[in-house]
Amino acid sequence: MRKNLQLKDYPEFKAFLKSLPYPCEYTYKDLLEIAKRDYNLILSKTQIQECLRRLDVHLGHGKARRHPVGAVRTATRGAKSQAKTRLEIKMPNGTWKPYHVYLWEKANGKLPENCFLLFLDGNPLNCELDNLYCVTHQERMTYVGKGLYKYKHLGAEAVKTALMLAKLEVQLKKNS
């Protein structure tokens, strides 16, 4: 048994693993037997798993759980006591991006540095552009610090007005 299987030393076995269909009916035990019978390789289950991982080949239902690019999911972030739910979209590089940020950037260009998007109705699952409002860190802190957030129960228009007041306050401080 070899300690580290080098796939470059066994191109036929590598080609076989790459050609596995999905869904694959083979188990690890089956692959071990095929490696021994057809390729004269005596491997362990761990070595087979490592080979499959390097080749990005998945057995069974593992591939079904992988999301395609552009898929939207509901994700929960934070500790259980303060968990926040939001929508995320799968990006081409394999990462997940907040869906509201994706929509904003698609419509308005890149989100400026040191800026946040707030949900006017307070619902992070409502990612419509009408519900998103871009504020700087200073504007957000003024909104919270001056207690303007207390108007959120009056609706989205009241929150938007309060955020505009915070923006005005920040501009007044800059100009004075």
C-alpha atoms as a PDB file:
ATOM      1  CA  MET A   1       0.000   0.000   0.000  1.00  0.00           C
ATOM      2  CA  ARG A   2       1.347   3.441  -0.926  1.00  0.00           C
ATOM      3  CA  LYS A   3       1.229   6.137   1.731  1.00  0.00           C
ATOM      4  CA  ASN A   4       0.385   9.000  -0.654  1.00  0.00           C
ATOM      5  CA  LEU A   5      -1.311   8.125  -3.891  1.00  0.00           C
ATOM      6  CA  GLN A   6      -0.055  10.392  -6.673  1.00  0.00           C
ATOM      7  CA  LEU A   7      -2.762  10.553  -9.321  1.00  0.00           C
ATOM      8  CA  LYS A   8      -0.222  11.634 -11.929  1.00  0.00           C
ATOM      9  CA  ASP A   9       1.384   8.169 -11.561  1.00  0.00           C
ATOM     10  CA  TYR A  10      -1.938   6.481 -12.417  1.00  0.00           C
ATOM     11  CA  PRO A  11      -3.576   8.464 -15.257  1.00  0.00           C
ATOM     12  CA  GLU A  12      -5.955   5.592 -16.122  1.00  0.00           C
ATOM     13  CA  PHE A  13      -7.324   5.470 -12.563  1.00  0.00           C
ATOM     14  CA  LYS A  14      -7.568   9.268 -12.478  1.00  0.00           C
ATOM     15  CA  ALA A  15      -9.509   9.236 -15.767  1.00  0.00           C
ATOM     16  CA  PHE A  16     -11.807   6.534 -14.369  1.00  0.00           C
ATOM     17  CA  LEU A  17     -12.554   8.577 -11.242  1.00  0.00           C
ATOM     18  CA  LYS A  18     -13.179  11.727 -13.299  1.00  0.00           C
ATOM     19  CA  SER A  19     -15.587   9.867 -15.563  1.00  0.00           C
ATOM     20  CA  LEU A  20     -17.837   8.689 -12.736  1.00  0.00           C
ATOM     21  CA  PRO A  21     -21.440   9.646 -13.524  1.00  0.00           C
ATOM     22  CA  TYR A  22     -23.743  11.486 -11.174  1.00  0.00           C
ATOM     23  CA  PRO A  23     -25.543  10.097  -9.354  1.00  0.00           C
ATOM     24  CA  CYS A  24     -22.836   7.523  -8.876  1.00  0.00           C
ATOM     25  CA  GLU A  25     -23.992   4.088  -7.817  1.00  0.00           C
ATOM     26  CA  TYR A  26     -20.526   3.148  -6.550  1.00  0.00           C
ATOM     27  CA  THR A  27     -19.652   3.056  -2.867  1.00  0.00           C
ATOM     28  CA  TYR A  28     -16.147   3.465  -1.455  1.00  0.00           C
ATOM     29  CA  LYS A  29     -15.983  -0.313  -1.086  1.00  0.00           C
ATOM     30  CA  ASP A  30     -16.806  -0.719  -4.790  1.00  0.00           C
ATOM     31  CA  LEU A  31     -14.114   1.778  -5.770  1.00  0.00           C
ATOM     32  CA  LEU A  32     -11.550  -0.031  -3.615  1.00  0.00           C
ATOM     33  CA  GLU A  33     -12.383  -3.305  -5.361  1.00  0.00           C
ATOM     34  CA  ILE A  34     -12.202  -1.699  -8.822  1.00  0.00           C
ATOM     35  CA  ALA A  35      -8.833  -0.113  -7.979  1.00  0.00           C
ATOM     36  CA  LYS A  36      -7.479  -3.477  -6.877  1.00  0.00           C
ATOM     37  CA  ARG A  37      -9.017  -5.539  -9.693  1.00  0.00           C
ATOM     38  CA  ASP A  38      -8.526  -3.236 -12.694  1.00  0.00           C
ATOM     39  CA  TYR A  39      -5.541  -1.060 -11.717  1.00  0.00           C
ATOM     40  CA  ASN A  40      -3.585  -3.263  -9.271  1.00  0.00           C
ATOM     41  CA  LEU A  41      -3.825  -0.584  -6.604  1.00  0.00           C
ATOM     42  CA  ILE A  42      -4.287  -1.430  -2.955  1.00  0.00           C
ATOM     43  CA  LEU A  43      -5.791   1.648  -1.355  1.00  0.00           C
ATOM     44  CA  SER A  44      -7.561   2.653   1.812  1.00  0.00           C
ATOM     45  CA  LYS A  45     -10.934   4.344   2.006  1.00  0.00           C
ATOM     46  CA  THR A  46      -9.194   7.551   3.132  1.00  0.00           C
ATOM     47  CA  GLN A  47      -6.973   7.540   0.051  1.00  0.00           C
ATOM     48  CA  ILE A  48      -9.994   7.103  -2.237  1.00  0.00           C
ATOM     49  CA  GLN A  49     -11.769   9.942  -0.434  1.00  0.00           C
ATOM     50  CA  GLU A  50      -8.728  12.188  -0.857  1.00  0.00           C
ATOM     51  CA  CYS A  51      -8.483  11.372  -4.565  1.00  0.00           C
ATOM     52  CA  LEU A  52     -12.156  12.154  -5.075  1.00  0.00           C
ATOM     53  CA  ARG A  53     -11.817  15.391  -3.108  1.00  0.00           C
ATOM     54  CA  ARG A  54      -8.832  16.533  -5.217  1.00  0.00           C
ATOM     55  CA  LEU A  55     -10.753  15.760  -8.408  1.00  0.00           C
ATOM     56  CA  ASP A  56     -13.957  17.384  -7.074  1.00  0.00           C
ATOM     57  CA  VAL A  57     -15.925  14.174  -7.665  1.00  0.00           C
ATOM     58  CA  HIS A  58     -18.826  13.427  -5.339  1.00  0.00           C
ATOM     59  CA  LEU A  59     -20.478  10.128  -4.574  1.00  0.00           C
ATOM     60  CA  GLY A  60     -24.110   9.743  -3.651  1.00  0.00           C
ATOM     61  CA  HIS A  61     -26.209  12.727  -2.652  1.00  0.00           C
ATOM     62  CA  GLY A  62     -23.328  15.110  -1.859  1.00  0.00           C
ATOM     63  CA  LYS A  63     -23.549  16.814  -5.236  1.00  0.00           C
ATOM     64  CA  ALA A  64     -27.293  17.343  -4.893  1.00  0.00           C
ATOM     65  CA  ARG A  65     -26.690  19.604  -1.878  1.00  0.00           C
ATOM     66  CA  ARG A  66     -24.338  21.853  -3.827  1.00  0.00           C
ATOM     67  CA  HIS A  67     -26.004  25.017  -5.026  1.00  0.00           C
ATOM     68  CA  PRO A  68     -25.587  26.299  -8.588  1.00  0.00           C
ATOM     69  CA  VAL A  69     -24.320  29.825  -9.255  1.00  0.00           C
ATOM     70  CA  GLY A  70     -27.171  32.296  -8.793  1.00  0.00           C
ATOM     71  CA  ALA A  71     -29.023  30.163  -6.242  1.00  0.00           C
ATOM     72  CA  VAL A  72     -30.631  32.140  -3.415  1.00  0.00           C
ATOM     73  CA  ARG A  73     -30.775  30.725   0.104  1.00  0.00           C
ATOM     74  CA  THR A  74     -31.978  31.837   3.504  1.00  0.00           C
ATOM     75  CA  ALA A  75     -29.071  31.987   5.925  1.00  0.00           C
ATOM     76  CA  THR A  76     -28.946  32.562   9.653  1.00  0.00           C
ATOM     77  CA  ARG A  77     -25.951  34.446  11.013  1.00  0.00           C
ATOM     78  CA  GLY A  78     -24.878  35.070  14.593  1.00  0.00           C
ATOM     79  CA  ALA A  79     -25.319  33.399  17.947  1.00  0.00           C
ATOM     80  CA  LYS A  80     -28.598  31.565  18.516  1.00  0.00           C
ATOM     81  CA  SER A  81     -29.862  34.178  20.952  1.00  0.00           C
ATOM     82  CA  GLN A  82     -29.272  37.004  18.431  1.00  0.00           C
ATOM     83  CA  ALA A  83     -29.473  35.112  15.152  1.00  0.00           C
ATOM     84  CA  LYS A  84     -30.345  37.196  12.099  1.00  0.00           C
ATOM     85  CA  THR A  85     -31.875  35.727   8.984  1.00  0.00           C
ATOM     86  CA  ARG A  86     -31.072  37.087   5.536  1.00  0.00           C
ATOM     87  CA  LEU A  87     -31.042  36.043   1.898  1.00  0.00           C
ATOM     88  CA  GLU A  88     -27.761  35.185   0.170  1.00  0.00           C
ATOM     89  CA  ILE A  89     -26.878  34.493  -3.460  1.00  0.00           C
ATOM     90  CA  LYS A  90     -24.195  32.107  -4.728  1.00  0.00           C
ATOM     91  CA  MET A  91     -21.512  33.975  -6.675  1.00  0.00           C
ATOM     92  CA  PRO A  92     -19.411  32.508  -9.539  1.00  0.00           C
ATOM     93  CA  ASN A  93     -16.317  32.318  -7.296  1.00  0.00           C
ATOM     94  CA  GLY A  94     -18.194  29.949  -4.959  1.00  0.00           C
ATOM     95  CA  THR A  95     -18.829  32.430  -2.152  1.00  0.00           C
ATOM     96  CA  TRP A  96     -22.168  33.642  -0.838  1.00  0.00           C
ATOM     97  CA  LYS A  97     -23.050  37.342  -0.951  1.00  0.00           C
ATOM     98  CA  PRO A  98     -25.918  39.080   0.831  1.00  0.00           C
ATOM     99  CA  TYR A  99     -28.748  39.242  -1.695  1.00  0.00           C
ATOM    100  CA  HIS A 100     -29.698  42.825  -0.862  1.00  0.00           C
ATOM    101  CA  VAL A 101     -26.119  43.976  -1.513  1.00  0.00           C
ATOM    102  CA  TYR A 102     -26.082  42.050  -4.811  1.00  0.00           C
ATOM    103  CA  LEU A 103     -29.327  43.688  -5.959  1.00  0.00           C
ATOM    104  CA  TRP A 104     -28.166  47.143  -4.890  1.00  0.00           C
ATOM    105  CA  GLU A 105     -24.835  46.793  -6.722  1.00  0.00           C
ATOM    106  CA  LYS A 106     -26.581  45.465  -9.810  1.00  0.00           C
ATOM    107  CA  ALA A 107     -28.806  48.555  -9.942  1.00  0.00           C
ATOM    108  CA  ASN A 108     -26.495  51.278  -8.570  1.00  0.00           C
ATOM    109  CA  GLY A 109     -22.911  50.081  -8.976  1.00  0.00           C
ATOM    110  CA  LYS A 110     -20.473  49.074  -6.267  1.00  0.00           C
ATOM    111  CA  LEU A 111     -21.533  49.878  -2.707  1.00  0.00           C
ATOM    112  CA  PRO A 112     -19.318  52.761  -1.504  1.00  0.00           C
ATOM    113  CA  GLU A 113     -16.747  51.972   1.147  1.00  0.00           C
ATOM    114  CA  ASN A 114     -17.895  52.595   4.742  1.00  0.00           C
ATOM    115  CA  CYS A 115     -21.566  52.386   3.680  1.00  0.00           C
ATOM    116  CA  PHE A 116     -24.384  50.122   4.803  1.00  0.00           C
ATOM    117  CA  LEU A 117     -27.734  49.134   3.377  1.00  0.00           C
ATOM    118  CA  LEU A 118     -30.676  49.392   5.735  1.00  0.00           C
ATOM    119  CA  PHE A 119     -34.092  47.808   5.270  1.00  0.00           C
ATOM    120  CA  LEU A 120     -36.702  50.537   5.538  1.00  0.00           C
ATOM    121  CA  ASP A 121     -39.421  48.169   6.722  1.00  0.00           C
ATOM    122  CA  GLY A 122     -37.004  46.310   9.042  1.00  0.00           C
ATOM    123  CA  ASN A 123     -37.535  43.004   7.201  1.00  0.00           C
ATOM    124  CA  PRO A 124     -34.187  41.569   5.970  1.00  0.00           C
ATOM    125  CA  LEU A 125     -36.052  39.137   3.704  1.00  0.00           C
ATOM    126  CA  ASN A 126     -37.630  42.005   1.739  1.00  0.00           C
ATOM    127  CA  CYS A 127     -34.807  42.811  -0.693  1.00  0.00           C
ATOM    128  CA  GLU A 128     -36.723  45.060  -3.082  1.00  0.00           C
ATOM    129  CA  LEU A 129     -34.785  48.172  -4.126  1.00  0.00           C
ATOM    130  CA  ASP A 130     -37.573  50.413  -2.763  1.00  0.00           C
ATOM    131  CA  ASN A 131     -36.927  48.905   0.668  1.00  0.00           C
ATOM    132  CA  LEU A 132     -33.137  49.490   0.668  1.00  0.00           C
ATOM    133  CA  TYR A 133     -31.479  52.692   1.826  1.00  0.00           C
ATOM    134  CA  CYS A 134     -27.742  53.362   1.650  1.00  0.00           C
ATOM    135  CA  VAL A 135     -26.194  55.202   4.615  1.00  0.00           C
ATOM    136  CA  THR A 136     -22.662  55.924   5.769  1.00  0.00           C
ATOM    137  CA  HIS A 137     -21.363  54.760   9.106  1.00  0.00           C
ATOM    138  CA  GLN A 138     -21.710  58.294  10.541  1.00  0.00           C
ATOM    139  CA  GLU A 139     -25.309  58.588   9.327  1.00  0.00           C
ATOM    140  CA  ARG A 140     -26.167  55.238  10.841  1.00  0.00           C
ATOM    141  CA  MET A 141     -24.599  56.168  14.175  1.00  0.00           C
ATOM    142  CA  THR A 142     -26.467  59.503  14.171  1.00  0.00           C
ATOM    143  CA  TYR A 143     -29.712  57.658  13.374  1.00  0.00           C
ATOM    144  CA  VAL A 144     -29.172  55.388  16.376  1.00  0.00           C
ATOM    145  CA  GLY A 145     -27.544  57.947  18.673  1.00  0.00           C
ATOM    146  CA  LYS A 146     -30.265  60.579  18.252  1.00  0.00           C
ATOM    147  CA  GLY A 147     -32.975  57.964  18.826  1.00  0.00           C
ATOM    148  CA  LEU A 148     -34.428  58.379  15.339  1.00  0.00           C
ATOM    149  CA  TYR A 149     -34.909  54.603  15.098  1.00  0.00           C
ATOM    150  CA  LYS A 150     -37.939  54.925  17.407  1.00  0.00           C
ATOM    151  CA  TYR A 151     -40.017  56.008  14.399  1.00  0.00           C
ATOM    152  CA  LYS A 152     -39.656  52.655  12.646  1.00  0.00           C
ATOM    153  CA  HIS A 153     -43.072  51.523  13.896  1.00  0.00           C
ATOM    154  CA  LEU A 154     -44.618  54.289  11.744  1.00  0.00           C
ATOM    155  CA  GLY A 155     -43.518  52.560   8.536  1.00  0.00           C
ATOM    156  CA  ALA A 156     -40.944  52.750   5.778  1.00  0.00           C
ATOM    157  CA  GLU A 157     -41.594  56.415   4.900  1.00  0.00           C
ATOM    158  CA  ALA A 158     -41.033  57.514   8.509  1.00  0.00           C
ATOM    159  CA  VAL A 159     -37.773  55.544   8.656  1.00  0.00           C
ATOM    160  CA  LYS A 160     -36.646  57.080   5.363  1.00  0.00           C
ATOM    161  CA  THR A 161     -37.425  60.561   6.711  1.00  0.00           C
ATOM    162  CA  ALA A 162     -35.513  59.816   9.932  1.00  0.00           C
ATOM    163  CA  LEU A 163     -32.531  58.602   7.894  1.00  0.00           C
ATOM    164  CA  MET A 164     -32.635  61.787   5.815  1.00  0.00           C
ATOM    165  CA  LEU A 165     -32.607  63.805   9.048  1.00  0.00           C
ATOM    166  CA  ALA A 166     -29.535  61.845  10.173  1.00  0.00           C
ATOM    167  CA  LYS A 167     -27.901  62.561   6.793  1.00  0.00           C
ATOM    168  CA  LEU A 168     -28.673  66.262   7.185  1.00  0.00           C
ATOM    169  CA  GLU A 169     -27.237  66.268  10.723  1.00  0.00           C
ATOM    170  CA  VAL A 170     -23.987  64.711   9.468  1.00  0.00           C
ATOM    171  CA  GLN A 171     -23.732  67.254   6.634  1.00  0.00           C
ATOM    172  CA  LEU A 172     -24.285  70.118   9.084  1.00  0.00           C
ATOM    173  CA  LYS A 173     -21.485  68.811  11.308  1.00  0.00           C
ATOM    174  CA  LYS A 174     -19.149  68.549   8.297  1.00  0.00           C
ATOM    175  CA  ASN A 175     -19.890  72.081   7.114  1.00  0.00           C
ATOM    176  CA  SER A 176     -19.495  73.744  10.504  1.00  0.00           C
END
